[in-house]
Every structure is written in structure tokens, then in C-alpha cells.
Amino acid sequence: MRYCTKCLYPDSKPDLFIDVEGICSACRSFESRKAIDYGKRHAELISILEKYRSKDGSNYDCICPGSGGKDSTYAALKIRELGFNPLIVTATTDHLTDIGRRNIENLKNQGFDYVEVTPNPVVRKCIAKLALATVGDIEYAEHLAMFTIPIREAVNRNIPLVIYGENSQHEYGGPEKATHSHIIDRRWLEEFGGLNGLRVSDVCEMLNLEPKDMIQYRYPSAEDLGRVGVTGIFLGAFEDWDGYKNALYAQAHGFETYHKTVEGSLANYENLDNAWVGLHDLFMYRKFGYGRASAIASTHIRRGRLSREEALRIVPRLEAEIPEQYLGVSLDEILSEIGMSRHEFMLILEKFTNKKLFQTDGHGKLLKHGTKTLL
């Protein structure tokens, strides 16, 4: 593995590029922020918001997708502070944690109208099991829902503007064109939305589902989008986006952090709503050799809050373990939810473990992991 000389990202990370100087595209993207005129970007944001403002106050000015997390809490409050009235739309997560529910209720109690859409949970669990086995991601349905449900609500409620928080390609590295985009659309979802090439039509066929079973996972047609004139944008494209800053801001408005560092992570303030995230992060680590702790540490390194040397001393020991507990929910409980045995799970984990990076016992357990070479 080749690592960025500034942060902890390896060249095995999808959509990441390391240049001839040994610096990754995520670090280069962050460096490019110095040249951005954020005053001008702010004016552009206001212009967009004014364009879509409800003329007579009879409708919402925009939709803010929200999970109650730090970023969605910050985004909703920010849009309202600018003088606009958002409707918060939540796509119910795979397994909502207790702290996740409290943070949703906190966001509601900040004084927002709030809509929560829950796709059929029985179908959801079938999709999760299929996606874990076929593309190694238990959160496939969640990734799809968070980008389709708010857009569907925009069409259904005739609210043309949808404002997401961060552009993950800008924050965590990706193709240059994608990192500088402020538009989110179907093309962005299919390329960067975590679908791993698994199409909705594939899921229907493989699970023998009816079209009605997948309604909430289908992106609206071009005709419906055009009829309402729906536009999706990233708030993070218009300001110097910083998840840690957002967490502090959200905390000042009642957002609750976890009582300890989240399993497999380096922080206690993000990914608090879904008990399945730990398995998603485990498979990310096994596939690509980096995990949640590396991602969070790298953002802190770029902002000078943590040195690379300091991060190297703490990150490797945080990511490799199978999360027997995540936010108080056991692995056995999660596997029971999707109808999978521990043995079946370990065989799937073995299948998706990158043998160029890791040595295993042939049954999913690591014998040696490549990130130790960082030390």
C-alpha cells in the first residue's frame, strides 16, 4: 500500500489519487480551499435560496435532508439563520439507536417542521442481507434512501430546492470535477452514493420483489423532476465545511454526543444514528485497508488539529477489530435482524477481505493486517 505523506489515506481508497509528490487528492482538494472566495460563494448561496424562496409563504423554501446528526442539525439551523424556512426530511435509518432518536427529537424541538419516511422494514432487511452478501455493504439501502427520499418528497410537495450538507468527494477526496461540484443529481448518486454498481432493478430481480416494494428507493423520473424543477445542492460547496465545527455548533443547540469514542472511530460526535454503521466501516477497512478512524484523523490532520505522527500512534489499533458492540447494539442482534448466522457472516467477511492487504485464517479472522506498515 502507498499512503499519502500528509494524511493517512492509502491509494487503495476508491476515487482517491496520490500525485507524484505523494499527496492525495483529498489533501490537494483541501489546499485548494485557500484560493476560494467564500464571501462570493456565500452570495451565490443567497442568490440560489432567493430564487427558490416561496413567493407568498404558502410553501417551504427548501428541503433539508436530516438525520438529526451533527451536519444535518448544523445545515438546518444555518439555512434558517439566513432567513429561509426549510422542511426537514428524514429517511429512517436501518437500525435507529436511542441516541439517534434523541437527536432527531432535539432537531424537531429547535422549531422545524419535520417529515420522517420509513420504507418497508421487512423489505429493508432483505435488501441489507442481499447487499452484504453481494457487494459487502449492509448499508446499501440506507445510502440509496437518503438520496432518493428527500428528492421524492421535493417532487411530491412541489418544493424545488433540496440542500444536502457535505459533498463527500470534496471532503474525503475524489475526481477533481466531482470535488468542485455543488450539484447533486442522479448521476452523482449512481457514481458516488455508495451503490457499488448494484442497481435497484438488480435488487428487485434477485429478491423477486414487486416494483411497489421499492418505491422509496427509486429516483424520480426526469419528467417529474422537470415538472417541479428540482435542484439539489451541497451546502458544503458554499462554505469552508468542517464536521468538527459543525459538531460544536450542533452541541450548542442540544445535539448529544456519545459517552465514549464510537467503536472503530476516533470521535464521539458522528455516525450516532445507525447501529449498522460499525459493520459498514468494518467492510470498508477489510476491502480498502482504511476505516472510519483513518478518515476522521485525516480531516483533523489537514486542519492542523492532529499531527500525522500522533494519528499513526492511535489509529491502527482502532479499526481492525470486529465490532461486537456498536452504540450499545450487539453484532448478534444485528445479524438476527437480517436473518444471518455468525458463521455465514464470517464467510462473507472473508470473501470481501482484500488478500493483497491482509492475512486471514480463511474464516474471516485477521492474522496480520497491512496498516501496521504505517508504523
Protein backbone atom coordinates (compact mmCIF):
# COMPACT_ATOMS: atom_id res chain seq x y z
CA MET A 1 0.00 0.00 0.00
CA ARG A 2 1.11 3.52 -0.74
CA TYR A 3 -0.01 6.19 1.71
CA CYS A 4 -0.42 9.92 1.37
CA THR A 5 2.55 11.62 3.00
CA LYS A 6 0.31 14.23 4.63
CA CYS A 7 -2.66 12.21 5.90
CA LEU A 8 -3.47 8.52 6.47
CA TYR A 9 -5.25 7.74 3.21
CA PRO A 10 -3.95 4.78 1.16
CA ASP A 11 -4.01 4.54 -2.61
CA SER A 12 -6.49 1.69 -2.25
CA LYS A 13 -9.23 4.16 -1.24
CA PRO A 14 -11.85 4.39 -4.03
CA ASP A 15 -11.80 7.59 -6.10
CA LEU A 16 -8.58 8.74 -4.42
CA PHE A 17 -5.45 9.71 -6.32
CA ILE A 18 -1.93 10.18 -4.98
CA ASP A 19 0.23 12.50 -7.07
CA VAL A 20 3.93 12.35 -7.88
CA GLU A 21 4.72 14.30 -4.72
CA GLY A 22 2.97 11.66 -2.62
CA ILE A 23 0.00 13.83 -1.69
CA CYS A 24 -3.56 12.54 -2.08
CA SER A 25 -6.41 14.26 -3.88
CA ALA A 26 -8.28 14.82 -0.61
CA CYS A 27 -5.36 16.86 0.77
CA ARG A 28 -4.99 18.70 -2.53
CA SER A 29 -8.68 19.49 -2.53
CA PHE A 30 -8.38 20.91 0.97
CA GLU A 31 -5.37 23.00 -0.05
CA SER A 32 -7.40 24.47 -2.91
CA ARG A 33 -9.82 25.99 -0.41
CA LYS A 34 -7.26 28.73 0.27
CA ALA A 35 -7.98 30.14 -3.19
CA ILE A 36 -11.76 30.10 -2.77
CA ASP A 37 -13.55 33.39 -2.17
CA TYR A 38 -16.09 32.22 0.38
CA GLY A 39 -17.66 35.65 0.52
CA LYS A 40 -18.52 35.24 -3.15
CA ARG A 41 -19.71 31.67 -2.52
CA HIS A 42 -21.99 32.92 0.27
CA ALA A 43 -23.51 35.47 -2.09
CA GLU A 44 -24.10 32.69 -4.64
CA LEU A 45 -25.87 30.62 -1.99
CA ILE A 46 -28.14 33.51 -1.04
CA SER A 47 -28.92 34.07 -4.70
CA ILE A 48 -29.94 30.42 -5.11
CA LEU A 49 -32.05 30.48 -1.96
CA GLU A 50 -33.80 33.69 -3.06
CA LYS A 51 -34.52 32.17 -6.44
CA TYR A 52 -36.40 29.30 -4.81
CA ARG A 53 -37.98 31.19 -1.91
CA SER A 54 -41.70 30.55 -1.58
CA LYS A 55 -43.20 33.71 -3.06
CA ASP A 56 -46.24 34.01 -0.84
CA GLY A 57 -45.07 31.97 2.15
CA SER A 58 -47.56 29.21 1.38
CA ASN A 59 -44.86 26.56 0.95
CA TYR A 60 -41.43 25.75 2.33
CA ASP A 61 -38.40 27.44 0.78
CA CYS A 62 -36.40 24.22 0.56
CA ILE A 63 -35.96 20.70 1.90
CA CYS A 64 -33.04 19.88 4.19
CA PRO A 65 -32.44 16.12 4.42
CA GLY A 66 -31.76 15.42 8.09
CA SER A 67 -30.87 12.51 10.32
CA GLY A 68 -30.53 14.57 13.47
CA GLY A 69 -26.76 14.20 13.15
CA LYS A 70 -24.24 16.98 13.61
CA ASP A 71 -24.12 18.02 9.95
CA SER A 72 -27.86 17.97 9.28
CA THR A 73 -28.52 19.82 12.54
CA TYR A 74 -25.98 22.45 11.56
CA ALA A 75 -27.32 22.73 8.00
CA ALA A 76 -30.95 23.19 9.08
CA LEU A 77 -30.03 25.86 11.62
CA LYS A 78 -27.77 27.63 9.12
CA ILE A 79 -30.44 27.82 6.43
CA ARG A 80 -32.94 29.20 8.92
CA GLU A 81 -30.44 31.76 10.19
CA LEU A 82 -30.14 33.01 6.62
CA GLY A 83 -33.85 33.79 6.72
CA PHE A 84 -35.31 30.79 4.94
CA ASN A 85 -37.84 28.17 6.00
CA PRO A 86 -36.74 24.56 5.41
CA LEU A 87 -38.75 21.38 5.75
CA ILE A 88 -36.62 18.65 7.35
CA VAL A 89 -37.00 15.24 5.67
CA THR A 90 -35.56 12.11 7.25
CA ALA A 91 -35.18 8.73 5.60
CA THR A 92 -35.47 6.36 8.56
CA THR A 93 -32.20 4.60 9.16
CA ASP A 94 -31.54 0.83 9.21
CA HIS A 95 -31.49 0.47 12.99
CA LEU A 96 -32.14 3.75 14.77
CA THR A 97 -30.20 3.97 18.03
CA ASP A 98 -31.52 5.54 21.21
CA ILE A 99 -29.12 8.48 20.91
CA GLY A 100 -30.10 8.84 17.26
CA ARG A 101 -33.77 9.17 18.20
CA ARG A 102 -32.96 11.73 20.88
CA ASN A 103 -31.02 13.81 18.37
CA ILE A 104 -33.90 13.67 15.90
CA GLU A 105 -36.27 14.88 18.60
CA ASN A 106 -33.78 17.60 19.51
CA LEU A 107 -33.73 18.88 15.94
CA LYS A 108 -37.52 18.91 15.85
CA ASN A 109 -37.53 20.85 19.11
CA GLN A 110 -35.37 23.55 17.58
CA GLY A 111 -38.60 24.62 15.87
CA PHE A 112 -38.72 22.87 12.49
CA ASP A 113 -41.46 21.11 10.58
CA TYR A 114 -40.24 17.56 10.18
CA VAL A 115 -41.20 14.59 7.98
CA GLU A 116 -39.84 11.08 8.54
CA VAL A 117 -40.31 8.49 5.79
CA THR A 118 -39.85 4.82 6.68
CA PRO A 119 -39.51 2.34 3.81
CA ASN A 120 -40.93 -1.14 4.43
CA PRO A 121 -38.64 -2.53 7.18
CA VAL A 122 -39.18 -6.15 6.12
CA VAL A 123 -38.02 -5.40 2.59
CA ARG A 124 -35.21 -3.26 4.03
CA LYS A 125 -33.75 -6.20 5.97
CA CYS A 126 -33.95 -8.46 2.92
CA ILE A 127 -32.06 -5.86 0.90
CA ALA A 128 -29.46 -5.50 3.65
CA LYS A 129 -28.74 -9.22 3.71
CA LEU A 130 -28.51 -9.38 -0.07
CA ALA A 131 -26.25 -6.32 -0.32
CA LEU A 132 -23.95 -7.55 2.44
CA ALA A 133 -23.50 -10.86 0.61
CA THR A 134 -23.17 -9.45 -2.92
CA VAL A 135 -21.38 -6.09 -2.58
CA GLY A 136 -20.18 -6.19 1.03
CA ASP A 137 -22.29 -3.32 2.33
CA ILE A 138 -25.07 -3.80 4.84
CA GLU A 139 -26.00 -0.10 4.45
CA TYR A 140 -26.79 -0.22 0.72
CA ALA A 141 -30.50 0.54 1.25
CA GLU A 142 -29.71 3.42 3.58
CA HIS A 143 -27.33 5.04 1.11
CA LEU A 144 -30.00 4.76 -1.55
CA ALA A 145 -32.85 6.04 0.63
CA MET A 146 -31.05 9.12 1.93
CA PHE A 147 -30.58 10.35 -1.63
CA THR A 148 -33.94 9.30 -3.11
CA ILE A 149 -36.50 10.01 -0.38
CA PRO A 150 -35.78 13.76 0.02
CA ILE A 151 -35.89 14.17 -3.77
CA ARG A 152 -39.16 12.23 -3.95
CA GLU A 153 -40.60 14.47 -1.23
CA ALA A 154 -39.47 17.52 -3.18
CA VAL A 155 -41.45 16.31 -6.19
CA ASN A 156 -44.49 15.26 -4.15
CA ARG A 157 -44.62 18.53 -2.20
CA ASN A 158 -43.61 20.84 -5.05
CA ILE A 159 -40.51 22.15 -3.23
CA PRO A 160 -37.87 22.61 -5.95
CA LEU A 161 -34.73 23.11 -3.81
CA VAL A 162 -33.07 20.32 -1.77
CA ILE A 163 -30.00 21.23 0.31
CA TYR A 164 -27.65 18.45 1.44
CA GLY A 165 -24.68 19.08 3.72
CA GLU A 166 -21.25 17.92 2.62
CA ASN A 167 -20.04 16.77 -0.77
CA SER A 168 -18.15 13.64 0.31
CA GLN A 169 -15.93 13.86 -2.76
CA HIS A 170 -14.84 17.36 -1.75
CA GLU A 171 -14.27 16.44 1.89
CA TYR A 172 -12.71 12.98 1.51
CA GLY A 173 -11.19 13.03 -1.96
CA GLY A 174 -12.36 12.06 -5.43
CA PRO A 175 -12.24 13.03 -9.09
CA GLU A 176 -11.45 16.73 -9.49
CA LYS A 177 -14.66 17.53 -11.34
CA ALA A 178 -16.73 15.91 -8.58
CA THR A 179 -14.88 17.67 -5.75
CA HIS A 180 -15.74 21.09 -7.14
CA SER A 181 -19.38 20.36 -7.95
CA HIS A 182 -22.17 21.90 -5.88
CA ILE A 183 -24.92 19.94 -7.65
CA ILE A 184 -26.26 16.59 -6.51
CA ASP A 185 -28.32 14.64 -9.03
CA ARG A 186 -29.00 11.09 -10.17
CA ARG A 187 -25.63 10.85 -11.87
CA TRP A 188 -23.82 11.81 -8.63
CA LEU A 189 -25.86 9.26 -6.68
CA GLU A 190 -25.06 6.43 -9.07
CA GLU A 191 -21.32 7.23 -9.13
CA PHE A 192 -20.63 8.31 -5.54
CA GLY A 193 -23.69 7.35 -3.49
CA GLY A 194 -22.30 4.04 -2.26
CA LEU A 195 -24.33 1.78 -4.54
CA ASN A 196 -21.32 -0.33 -5.58
CA GLY A 197 -22.81 -0.96 -9.02
CA LEU A 198 -25.87 -2.70 -7.60
CA ARG A 199 -28.93 -1.29 -9.37
CA VAL A 200 -32.45 -1.11 -7.97
CA SER A 201 -33.60 -3.31 -10.84
CA ASP A 202 -30.96 -5.90 -9.83
CA VAL A 203 -32.28 -5.94 -6.28
CA CYS A 204 -35.87 -6.40 -7.48
CA GLU A 205 -34.90 -9.32 -9.69
CA MET A 206 -32.63 -11.03 -7.15
CA LEU A 207 -35.19 -10.79 -4.34
CA ASN A 208 -38.22 -11.33 -6.60
CA LEU A 209 -39.75 -8.05 -5.42
CA GLU A 210 -42.59 -6.12 -6.98
CA PRO A 211 -41.96 -2.52 -8.18
CA LYS A 212 -44.20 -1.28 -5.33
CA ASP A 213 -41.76 -2.77 -2.80
CA MET A 214 -39.02 -0.42 -3.99
CA ILE A 215 -40.97 2.82 -4.43
CA GLN A 216 -38.95 4.81 -1.89
CA TYR A 217 -35.65 3.67 -3.41
CA ARG A 218 -36.45 4.87 -6.92
CA TYR A 219 -35.14 8.22 -8.06
CA PRO A 220 -37.93 10.35 -9.60
CA SER A 221 -38.17 10.37 -13.35
CA ALA A 222 -36.65 13.17 -15.41
CA GLU A 223 -40.20 14.17 -16.34
CA ASP A 224 -41.26 14.56 -12.69
CA LEU A 225 -38.06 16.39 -11.77
CA GLY A 226 -38.54 18.73 -14.70
CA ARG A 227 -42.19 19.38 -13.84
CA VAL A 228 -41.23 20.67 -10.38
CA GLY A 229 -37.81 21.96 -11.42
CA VAL A 230 -35.99 20.13 -8.61
CA THR A 231 -32.41 21.18 -7.92
CA GLY A 232 -30.16 19.51 -5.32
CA ILE A 233 -27.12 21.33 -3.93
CA PHE A 234 -24.42 20.78 -1.30
CA LEU A 235 -24.23 23.43 1.41
CA GLY A 236 -20.61 22.40 1.89
CA ALA A 237 -19.74 23.83 -1.53
CA PHE A 238 -20.55 27.34 -0.33
CA GLU A 239 -18.55 27.47 2.90
CA ASP A 240 -15.38 26.10 4.48
CA TRP A 241 -17.10 22.91 5.60
CA ASP A 242 -15.76 21.36 8.80
CA GLY A 243 -17.50 18.44 10.50
CA TYR A 244 -15.90 19.13 13.87
CA LYS A 245 -17.01 22.75 13.78
CA ASN A 246 -20.49 21.58 12.85
CA ALA A 247 -20.48 19.22 15.84
CA LEU A 248 -19.61 22.04 18.23
CA TYR A 249 -22.32 24.22 16.68
CA ALA A 250 -24.89 21.42 16.93
CA GLN A 251 -23.93 20.73 20.55
CA ALA A 252 -24.64 24.35 21.39
CA HIS A 253 -28.17 23.64 20.16
CA GLY A 254 -28.78 20.47 22.15
CA PHE A 255 -27.13 17.84 19.96
CA GLU A 256 -26.00 14.90 22.08
CA THR A 257 -22.63 13.18 21.61
CA TYR A 258 -21.87 9.60 22.64
CA HIS A 259 -20.47 8.97 26.13
CA LYS A 260 -17.24 7.49 24.72
CA THR A 261 -15.38 7.15 21.44
CA VAL A 262 -17.58 5.29 18.95
CA GLU A 263 -16.33 1.78 18.19
CA GLY A 264 -13.92 1.75 15.23
CA SER A 265 -13.90 5.53 15.17
CA LEU A 266 -11.82 8.37 16.55
CA ALA A 267 -14.68 10.57 17.72
CA ASN A 268 -17.90 10.59 19.71
CA TYR A 269 -19.86 13.02 17.56
CA GLU A 270 -20.66 11.34 14.25
CA ASN A 271 -22.46 8.26 12.89
CA LEU A 272 -24.59 8.02 16.01
CA ASP A 273 -27.96 7.19 14.47
CA ASN A 274 -27.46 3.80 12.83
CA ALA A 275 -26.30 0.71 14.74
CA TRP A 276 -25.26 -0.93 11.46
CA VAL A 277 -22.53 1.62 10.67
CA GLY A 278 -19.95 -0.42 12.54
CA LEU A 279 -20.32 -3.28 10.05
CA HIS A 280 -20.21 -0.90 7.12
CA ASP A 281 -16.93 0.52 8.44
CA LEU A 282 -15.53 -2.96 9.10
CA PHE A 283 -16.08 -3.97 5.48
CA MET A 284 -14.61 -0.66 4.30
CA TYR A 285 -11.47 -1.48 6.28
CA ARG A 286 -11.28 -5.05 5.01
CA LYS A 287 -11.79 -4.02 1.38
CA PHE A 288 -9.53 -0.97 1.23
CA GLY A 289 -7.22 -1.01 4.26
CA TYR A 290 -8.54 2.09 5.96
CA GLY A 291 -11.51 2.76 8.21
CA ARG A 292 -13.50 5.40 10.00
CA ALA A 293 -10.70 6.36 12.38
CA SER A 294 -8.34 6.99 9.45
CA ALA A 295 -10.94 9.16 7.70
CA ILE A 296 -11.63 11.29 10.79
CA ALA A 297 -7.94 11.55 11.71
CA SER A 298 -7.10 12.70 8.19
CA THR A 299 -9.61 15.56 8.34
CA HIS A 300 -8.06 16.69 11.63
CA ILE A 301 -4.53 16.43 10.20
CA ARG A 302 -5.45 18.70 7.29
CA ARG A 303 -6.77 21.32 9.68
CA GLY A 304 -3.76 21.15 11.96
CA ARG A 305 -5.65 19.71 14.92
CA LEU A 306 -3.66 16.47 14.91
CA SER A 307 -0.21 15.60 13.57
CA ARG A 308 0.27 12.63 11.26
CA GLU A 309 2.71 11.15 13.77
CA GLU A 310 0.16 11.41 16.57
CA ALA A 311 -2.51 9.81 14.38
CA LEU A 312 -0.21 6.92 13.49
CA ARG A 313 0.16 6.06 17.16
CA ILE A 314 -3.55 5.73 17.79
CA VAL A 315 -5.42 4.88 14.59
CA PRO A 316 -4.18 1.33 13.71
CA ARG A 317 -5.44 -0.17 16.96
CA LEU A 318 -8.94 1.28 16.47
CA GLU A 319 -10.02 -0.11 13.12
CA ALA A 320 -9.17 -3.79 12.80
CA GLU A 321 -11.47 -5.31 15.41
CA ILE A 322 -14.85 -6.82 14.52
CA PRO A 323 -17.40 -4.63 16.38
CA GLU A 324 -19.07 -6.98 18.82
CA GLN A 325 -20.92 -3.91 20.11
CA TYR A 326 -21.71 -0.68 18.26
CA LEU A 327 -23.52 2.12 20.09
CA GLY A 328 -24.79 -0.45 22.58
CA VAL A 329 -26.18 -2.85 19.97
CA SER A 330 -24.56 -6.28 19.68
CA LEU A 331 -23.35 -7.90 16.48
CA ASP A 332 -25.54 -10.92 17.21
CA GLU A 333 -28.63 -8.70 17.41
CA ILE A 334 -27.84 -7.11 14.05
CA LEU A 335 -27.23 -10.48 12.38
CA SER A 336 -30.50 -11.76 13.84
CA GLU A 337 -32.32 -8.78 12.34
CA ILE A 338 -31.25 -9.69 8.81
CA GLY A 339 -31.53 -13.46 9.33
CA MET A 340 -27.84 -14.29 9.11
CA SER A 341 -25.78 -16.64 11.25
CA ARG A 342 -22.38 -15.73 12.70
CA HIS A 343 -20.77 -18.44 10.54
CA GLU A 344 -22.37 -17.07 7.36
CA PHE A 345 -21.30 -13.55 8.29
CA MET A 346 -17.68 -14.56 8.83
CA LEU A 347 -17.57 -16.32 5.45
CA ILE A 348 -18.88 -13.16 3.77
CA LEU A 349 -16.30 -11.08 5.63
CA GLU A 350 -13.61 -13.49 4.44
CA LYS A 351 -14.82 -13.14 0.84
CA PHE A 352 -14.54 -9.35 0.91
CA THR A 353 -11.22 -9.16 2.76
CA ASN A 354 -8.53 -7.86 0.40
CA LYS A 355 -5.88 -10.59 0.42
CA LYS A 356 -3.31 -8.18 -1.01
CA LEU A 357 -3.57 -6.23 2.22
CA PHE A 358 -4.49 -8.77 4.89
CA GLN A 359 -3.76 -12.31 6.03
CA THR A 360 -6.66 -14.30 7.46
CA ASP A 361 -7.30 -17.74 8.89
CA GLY A 362 -9.55 -18.50 5.93
CA HIS A 363 -12.69 -17.94 8.01
CA GLY A 364 -12.77 -14.15 8.32
CA LYS A 365 -10.41 -13.66 11.26
CA LEU A 366 -7.34 -11.46 10.70
CA LEU A 367 -3.92 -12.91 11.40
CA LYS A 368 -1.97 -9.84 10.32
CA HIS A 369 -3.18 -6.53 8.98
CA GLY A 370 -1.37 -4.36 6.50
CA THR A 371 -1.96 -0.99 8.16
CA LYS A 372 0.74 -1.89 10.69
CA THR A 373 3.19 -0.97 7.94
CA LEU A 374 2.20 2.64 8.66
CA LEU A 375 4.17 2.42 11.90
